[in-house]
Amino acid sequence: MDPLRWDVQLFSESNGRWLVEVPKDRYEEFGHLMEGIPVTYLGTTGGTSLHLGKGRQWTSLSIPVMRKAWSEAIPKQVVVA
């Protein structure tokens, strides 16, 4: 994964790489199920913004800003002639 940008590493779900949400009370059970498979803990959900970082590269986005970008992405790409 090294050649990929850090944000792509976090959110890309290509072959063999998935982003999985696990309830806090089942995290230990999930860890046992994934024994022998490389797993990385990314963080915890909640709050009003998302903070991402790797080394000296950091970003922070509010939930409303991300929701607006997500909901408008496809309509902005569609061209009606």
N, C-alpha and C. Protein backbone atom coordinates (compact mmCIF):
# COMPACT_ATOMS: atom_id res chain seq x y z
N MET A 1 0.82 -1.20 0.00
CA MET A 1 0.00 0.00 0.00
C MET A 1 0.85 1.26 0.00
N ASP A 2 2.11 1.16 0.20
CA ASP A 2 2.97 2.32 0.32
C ASP A 2 2.85 3.32 -0.82
N PRO A 3 2.72 2.88 -2.11
CA PRO A 3 2.67 3.87 -3.18
C PRO A 3 1.37 4.68 -3.20
N LEU A 4 0.35 4.25 -2.46
CA LEU A 4 -0.93 4.97 -2.47
C LEU A 4 -0.90 6.15 -1.51
N ARG A 5 -1.66 7.20 -1.86
CA ARG A 5 -1.83 8.32 -0.93
C ARG A 5 -2.45 7.79 0.37
N TRP A 6 -2.18 8.46 1.48
CA TRP A 6 -2.67 7.98 2.77
C TRP A 6 -4.18 7.97 2.86
N ASP A 7 -4.87 8.93 2.22
CA ASP A 7 -6.33 8.94 2.27
C ASP A 7 -6.90 7.79 1.44
N VAL A 8 -6.24 7.43 0.35
CA VAL A 8 -6.67 6.29 -0.46
C VAL A 8 -6.45 5.00 0.33
N GLN A 9 -5.35 4.92 1.06
CA GLN A 9 -5.10 3.75 1.89
C GLN A 9 -6.23 3.53 2.88
N LEU A 10 -6.76 4.61 3.43
CA LEU A 10 -7.83 4.50 4.43
C LEU A 10 -9.16 4.07 3.84
N PHE A 11 -9.51 4.58 2.66
CA PHE A 11 -10.86 4.40 2.17
C PHE A 11 -11.00 3.52 0.93
N SER A 12 -9.92 3.13 0.31
CA SER A 12 -10.00 2.28 -0.87
C SER A 12 -10.36 0.86 -0.45
N GLU A 13 -11.33 0.28 -1.13
CA GLU A 13 -11.72 -1.10 -0.84
C GLU A 13 -11.45 -1.96 -2.06
N SER A 14 -10.18 -2.02 -2.47
CA SER A 14 -9.81 -2.86 -3.61
C SER A 14 -9.71 -4.31 -3.15
N ASN A 15 -9.38 -5.20 -4.09
CA ASN A 15 -9.28 -6.63 -3.75
C ASN A 15 -8.42 -6.84 -2.52
N GLY A 16 -8.97 -7.54 -1.56
CA GLY A 16 -8.21 -7.90 -0.38
C GLY A 16 -8.10 -6.81 0.67
N ARG A 17 -8.78 -5.68 0.48
CA ARG A 17 -8.70 -4.60 1.47
C ARG A 17 -10.11 -4.07 1.69
N TRP A 18 -10.60 -4.17 2.92
CA TRP A 18 -11.95 -3.72 3.25
C TRP A 18 -11.92 -2.79 4.45
N LEU A 19 -12.85 -1.88 4.47
CA LEU A 19 -13.09 -1.03 5.62
C LEU A 19 -14.28 -1.64 6.36
N VAL A 20 -14.08 -2.02 7.61
CA VAL A 20 -15.10 -2.74 8.37
C VAL A 20 -15.46 -1.95 9.63
N GLU A 21 -16.74 -1.82 9.89
CA GLU A 21 -17.22 -1.18 11.12
C GLU A 21 -17.58 -2.29 12.11
N VAL A 22 -17.02 -2.20 13.33
CA VAL A 22 -17.25 -3.22 14.35
C VAL A 22 -17.73 -2.54 15.62
N PRO A 23 -18.85 -3.01 16.20
CA PRO A 23 -19.31 -2.44 17.46
C PRO A 23 -18.24 -2.60 18.55
N LYS A 24 -18.15 -1.61 19.41
CA LYS A 24 -17.12 -1.58 20.45
C LYS A 24 -17.12 -2.87 21.29
N ASP A 25 -18.31 -3.37 21.61
CA ASP A 25 -18.39 -4.55 22.47
C ASP A 25 -18.04 -5.85 21.74
N ARG A 26 -17.78 -5.80 20.43
CA ARG A 26 -17.43 -7.00 19.67
C ARG A 26 -16.03 -6.89 19.04
N TYR A 27 -15.30 -5.84 19.39
CA TYR A 27 -13.98 -5.61 18.81
C TYR A 27 -13.02 -6.77 19.12
N GLU A 28 -13.03 -7.23 20.34
CA GLU A 28 -12.13 -8.33 20.73
C GLU A 28 -12.48 -9.61 19.96
N GLU A 29 -13.77 -9.89 19.83
CA GLU A 29 -14.22 -11.06 19.07
C GLU A 29 -13.79 -10.94 17.60
N PHE A 30 -13.93 -9.76 17.04
CA PHE A 30 -13.51 -9.53 15.66
C PHE A 30 -12.01 -9.78 15.50
N GLY A 31 -11.23 -9.30 16.46
CA GLY A 31 -9.79 -9.52 16.43
C GLY A 31 -9.44 -11.00 16.40
N HIS A 32 -10.16 -11.80 17.19
CA HIS A 32 -9.92 -13.25 17.20
C HIS A 32 -10.29 -13.88 15.86
N LEU A 33 -11.39 -13.42 15.28
CA LEU A 33 -11.82 -13.96 13.98
C LEU A 33 -10.81 -13.64 12.87
N MET A 34 -10.14 -12.50 12.99
CA MET A 34 -9.18 -12.07 11.97
C MET A 34 -7.75 -12.51 12.26
N GLU A 35 -7.57 -13.35 13.26
CA GLU A 35 -6.24 -13.81 13.63
C GLU A 35 -5.48 -14.36 12.42
N GLY A 36 -4.27 -13.86 12.21
CA GLY A 36 -3.46 -14.28 11.08
C GLY A 36 -3.66 -13.42 9.84
N ILE A 37 -4.64 -12.51 9.89
CA ILE A 37 -4.92 -11.61 8.76
C ILE A 37 -4.51 -10.20 9.19
N PRO A 38 -3.75 -9.49 8.36
CA PRO A 38 -3.35 -8.12 8.74
C PRO A 38 -4.57 -7.21 8.93
N VAL A 39 -4.69 -6.62 10.11
CA VAL A 39 -5.81 -5.73 10.45
C VAL A 39 -5.24 -4.47 11.07
N THR A 40 -5.80 -3.33 10.70
CA THR A 40 -5.38 -2.05 11.28
C THR A 40 -6.59 -1.34 11.86
N TYR A 41 -6.50 -0.94 13.11
CA TYR A 41 -7.54 -0.16 13.76
C TYR A 41 -7.41 1.29 13.28
N LEU A 42 -8.51 1.84 12.74
CA LEU A 42 -8.44 3.19 12.19
C LEU A 42 -8.95 4.26 13.14
N GLY A 43 -9.91 3.93 13.99
CA GLY A 43 -10.42 4.94 14.89
C GLY A 43 -11.81 4.63 15.39
N THR A 44 -12.43 5.63 15.99
CA THR A 44 -13.73 5.51 16.62
C THR A 44 -14.68 6.54 16.00
N THR A 45 -15.93 6.15 15.84
CA THR A 45 -16.91 7.08 15.28
C THR A 45 -17.59 7.88 16.38
N GLY A 46 -18.17 9.00 15.98
CA GLY A 46 -18.89 9.88 16.90
C GLY A 46 -18.38 11.30 16.76
N GLY A 47 -19.16 12.24 17.21
CA GLY A 47 -18.74 13.62 17.16
C GLY A 47 -19.26 14.34 15.93
N THR A 48 -18.71 15.52 15.66
CA THR A 48 -19.20 16.36 14.57
C THR A 48 -18.22 16.56 13.44
N SER A 49 -17.04 15.91 13.55
CA SER A 49 -16.05 16.07 12.48
C SER A 49 -15.19 14.82 12.39
N LEU A 50 -14.46 14.74 11.28
CA LEU A 50 -13.54 13.63 11.02
C LEU A 50 -12.13 14.17 10.99
N HIS A 51 -11.26 13.57 11.74
CA HIS A 51 -9.85 13.97 11.79
C HIS A 51 -9.03 12.81 11.26
N LEU A 52 -8.26 13.05 10.23
CA LEU A 52 -7.43 12.02 9.61
C LEU A 52 -5.98 12.48 9.59
N GLY A 53 -5.08 11.55 9.77
CA GLY A 53 -3.69 11.93 9.69
C GLY A 53 -2.76 10.76 9.56
N LYS A 54 -1.61 11.07 9.00
CA LYS A 54 -0.52 10.11 8.90
C LYS A 54 0.77 10.92 8.90
N GLY A 55 1.59 10.69 9.89
CA GLY A 55 2.82 11.47 9.99
C GLY A 55 2.51 12.95 10.15
N ARG A 56 3.02 13.76 9.23
CA ARG A 56 2.79 15.20 9.28
C ARG A 56 1.61 15.65 8.44
N GLN A 57 0.96 14.72 7.77
CA GLN A 57 -0.19 15.05 6.93
C GLN A 57 -1.47 14.86 7.74
N TRP A 58 -2.20 15.94 7.98
CA TRP A 58 -3.43 15.89 8.76
C TRP A 58 -4.51 16.70 8.07
N THR A 59 -5.74 16.27 8.25
CA THR A 59 -6.88 17.05 7.76
C THR A 59 -8.04 16.85 8.71
N SER A 60 -8.94 17.79 8.73
CA SER A 60 -10.13 17.71 9.57
C SER A 60 -11.30 18.28 8.77
N LEU A 61 -12.40 17.54 8.72
CA LEU A 61 -13.57 17.98 7.97
C LEU A 61 -14.81 17.82 8.82
N SER A 62 -15.73 18.76 8.71
CA SER A 62 -16.98 18.65 9.47
C SER A 62 -17.91 17.66 8.77
N ILE A 63 -18.78 17.02 9.53
CA ILE A 63 -19.74 16.07 8.98
C ILE A 63 -20.64 16.74 7.94
N PRO A 64 -21.19 17.95 8.19
CA PRO A 64 -22.03 18.59 7.17
C PRO A 64 -21.29 18.85 5.86
N VAL A 65 -20.02 19.23 5.91
CA VAL A 65 -19.24 19.48 4.70
C VAL A 65 -19.05 18.17 3.93
N MET A 66 -18.74 17.10 4.64
CA MET A 66 -18.56 15.81 3.98
C MET A 66 -19.88 15.30 3.39
N ARG A 67 -20.98 15.46 4.14
CA ARG A 67 -22.28 15.01 3.64
C ARG A 67 -22.66 15.77 2.38
N LYS A 68 -22.41 17.08 2.34
CA LYS A 68 -22.73 17.90 1.16
C LYS A 68 -21.90 17.44 -0.04
N ALA A 69 -20.60 17.21 0.17
CA ALA A 69 -19.74 16.75 -0.92
C ALA A 69 -20.19 15.39 -1.44
N TRP A 70 -20.56 14.50 -0.52
CA TRP A 70 -20.99 13.16 -0.91
C TRP A 70 -22.32 13.22 -1.68
N SER A 71 -23.28 14.00 -1.18
CA SER A 71 -24.61 14.03 -1.80
C SER A 71 -24.63 14.77 -3.13
N GLU A 72 -23.66 15.65 -3.36
CA GLU A 72 -23.64 16.43 -4.60
C GLU A 72 -22.66 15.90 -5.64
N ALA A 73 -21.88 14.88 -5.29
CA ALA A 73 -20.83 14.41 -6.20
C ALA A 73 -21.38 13.91 -7.53
N ILE A 74 -22.37 13.04 -7.53
CA ILE A 74 -22.88 12.48 -8.77
C ILE A 74 -23.66 13.53 -9.57
N PRO A 75 -24.58 14.29 -8.94
CA PRO A 75 -25.27 15.33 -9.74
C PRO A 75 -24.33 16.31 -10.42
N LYS A 76 -23.21 16.63 -9.81
CA LYS A 76 -22.26 17.56 -10.41
C LYS A 76 -21.57 16.95 -11.63
N GLN A 77 -21.50 15.62 -11.68
CA GLN A 77 -20.82 14.93 -12.78
C GLN A 77 -21.76 14.65 -13.95
N VAL A 78 -23.06 14.74 -13.72
CA VAL A 78 -24.04 14.43 -14.76
C VAL A 78 -24.28 15.68 -15.62
N VAL A 79 -24.13 15.51 -16.93
CA VAL A 79 -24.36 16.60 -17.86
C VAL A 79 -25.60 16.25 -18.68
N VAL A 80 -26.59 17.11 -18.61
CA VAL A 80 -27.82 16.89 -19.39
C VAL A 80 -27.79 17.85 -20.55
N ALA A 81 -27.85 17.31 -21.75
CA ALA A 81 -27.78 18.15 -22.93
C ALA A 81 -29.16 18.40 -23.51
